[in-house]
Amino acid sequence: MADPLPLDAGRIFAELHEHQVDYVVVGGLAVQVHGHVRMTNDVDLTPLPIQQTSTGSRRR
């Protein structure tokens, strides 16, 4: 089995931003941002839900 590609979190975040996706980073990468050492090769994301209003418009 081939080695996985290295994590490019910046590219992932740039794509989400380009498509206006609101999200929360959870897991190992989030722990690193808060100063704790944790090895990780992935990004765990939770998209924020989009709510539909009574007029049919969408809001975050």
C-alpha atoms as a PDB file:
ATOM      1  CA  MET A   1       0.000   0.000   0.000  1.00  0.00           C
ATOM      2  CA  ALA A   2       1.361   3.424  -0.954  1.00  0.00           C
ATOM      3  CA  ASP A   3       2.088   6.072   1.670  1.00  0.00           C
ATOM      4  CA  PRO A   4      -0.733   8.621   2.003  1.00  0.00           C
ATOM      5  CA  LEU A   5      -0.233  12.130   0.687  1.00  0.00           C
ATOM      6  CA  PRO A   6       0.850  14.665   3.299  1.00  0.00           C
ATOM      7  CA  LEU A   7      -1.902  16.718   4.880  1.00  0.00           C
ATOM      8  CA  ASP A   8      -2.469  20.077   3.163  1.00  0.00           C
ATOM      9  CA  ALA A   9      -4.859  21.680   5.664  1.00  0.00           C
ATOM     10  CA  GLY A  10      -4.345  25.117   4.116  1.00  0.00           C
ATOM     11  CA  ARG A  11      -5.706  23.899   0.789  1.00  0.00           C
ATOM     12  CA  ILE A  12      -8.694  22.280   2.481  1.00  0.00           C
ATOM     13  CA  PHE A  13      -9.495  25.488   4.371  1.00  0.00           C
ATOM     14  CA  ALA A  14      -9.048  27.592   1.213  1.00  0.00           C
ATOM     15  CA  GLU A  15     -11.548  25.416  -0.693  1.00  0.00           C
ATOM     16  CA  LEU A  16     -14.081  25.624   2.131  1.00  0.00           C
ATOM     17  CA  HIS A  17     -13.648  29.402   2.238  1.00  0.00           C
ATOM     18  CA  GLU A  18     -14.026  29.693  -1.549  1.00  0.00           C
ATOM     19  CA  HIS A  19     -17.337  27.817  -1.366  1.00  0.00           C
ATOM     20  CA  GLN A  20     -18.478  29.796   1.710  1.00  0.00           C
ATOM     21  CA  VAL A  21     -18.738  26.720   3.928  1.00  0.00           C
ATOM     22  CA  ASP A  22     -18.862  27.508   7.641  1.00  0.00           C
ATOM     23  CA  TYR A  23     -17.233  24.804   9.742  1.00  0.00           C
ATOM     24  CA  VAL A  24     -15.637  23.957  13.064  1.00  0.00           C
ATOM     25  CA  VAL A  25     -12.284  22.178  13.317  1.00  0.00           C
ATOM     26  CA  VAL A  26     -12.300  19.375  15.905  1.00  0.00           C
ATOM     27  CA  GLY A  27      -9.895  16.589  16.802  1.00  0.00           C
ATOM     28  CA  GLY A  28      -6.108  16.522  16.747  1.00  0.00           C
ATOM     29  CA  LEU A  29      -5.561  19.630  14.620  1.00  0.00           C
ATOM     30  CA  ALA A  30      -7.828  21.688  16.887  1.00  0.00           C
ATOM     31  CA  VAL A  31      -5.855  20.460  19.902  1.00  0.00           C
ATOM     32  CA  GLN A  32      -2.601  21.577  18.235  1.00  0.00           C
ATOM     33  CA  VAL A  33      -3.976  25.080  17.687  1.00  0.00           C
ATOM     34  CA  HIS A  34      -4.471  25.305  21.443  1.00  0.00           C
ATOM     35  CA  GLY A  35      -0.807  24.465  22.077  1.00  0.00           C
ATOM     36  CA  HIS A  36      -0.917  20.756  22.815  1.00  0.00           C
ATOM     37  CA  VAL A  37       1.368  18.360  20.962  1.00  0.00           C
ATOM     38  CA  ARG A  38      -0.581  15.752  19.050  1.00  0.00           C
ATOM     39  CA  MET A  39       0.411  13.885  15.899  1.00  0.00           C
ATOM     40  CA  THR A  40      -2.276  13.781  13.226  1.00  0.00           C
ATOM     41  CA  ASN A  41      -2.515  13.123   9.488  1.00  0.00           C
ATOM     42  CA  ASP A  42      -6.054  14.275   8.967  1.00  0.00           C
ATOM     43  CA  VAL A  43      -8.465  17.141   9.559  1.00  0.00           C
ATOM     44  CA  ASP A  44     -11.707  16.515  11.411  1.00  0.00           C
ATOM     45  CA  LEU A  45     -14.365  19.059  10.418  1.00  0.00           C
ATOM     46  CA  THR A  46     -17.986  19.596  11.321  1.00  0.00           C
ATOM     47  CA  PRO A  47     -19.937  21.812   8.913  1.00  0.00           C
ATOM     48  CA  LEU A  48     -22.303  24.279  10.522  1.00  0.00           C
ATOM     49  CA  PRO A  49     -25.916  23.579   9.598  1.00  0.00           C
ATOM     50  CA  ILE A  50     -27.827  25.804   7.197  1.00  0.00           C
ATOM     51  CA  GLN A  51     -31.309  26.650   8.431  1.00  0.00           C
ATOM     52  CA  GLN A  52     -34.248  27.308   6.142  1.00  0.00           C
ATOM     53  CA  THR A  53     -36.473  30.246   7.107  1.00  0.00           C
ATOM     54  CA  SER A  54     -40.247  30.335   6.704  1.00  0.00           C
ATOM     55  CA  THR A  55     -39.832  32.442   3.530  1.00  0.00           C
ATOM     56  CA  GLY A  56     -37.643  29.779   1.960  1.00  0.00           C
ATOM     57  CA  SER A  57     -34.399  31.714   2.255  1.00  0.00           C
ATOM     58  CA  ARG A  58     -31.382  30.055   3.758  1.00  0.00           C
ATOM     59  CA  ARG A  59     -29.303  31.346   6.634  1.00  0.00           C
ATOM     60  CA  ARG A  60     -26.408  30.094   8.661  1.00  0.00           C
END
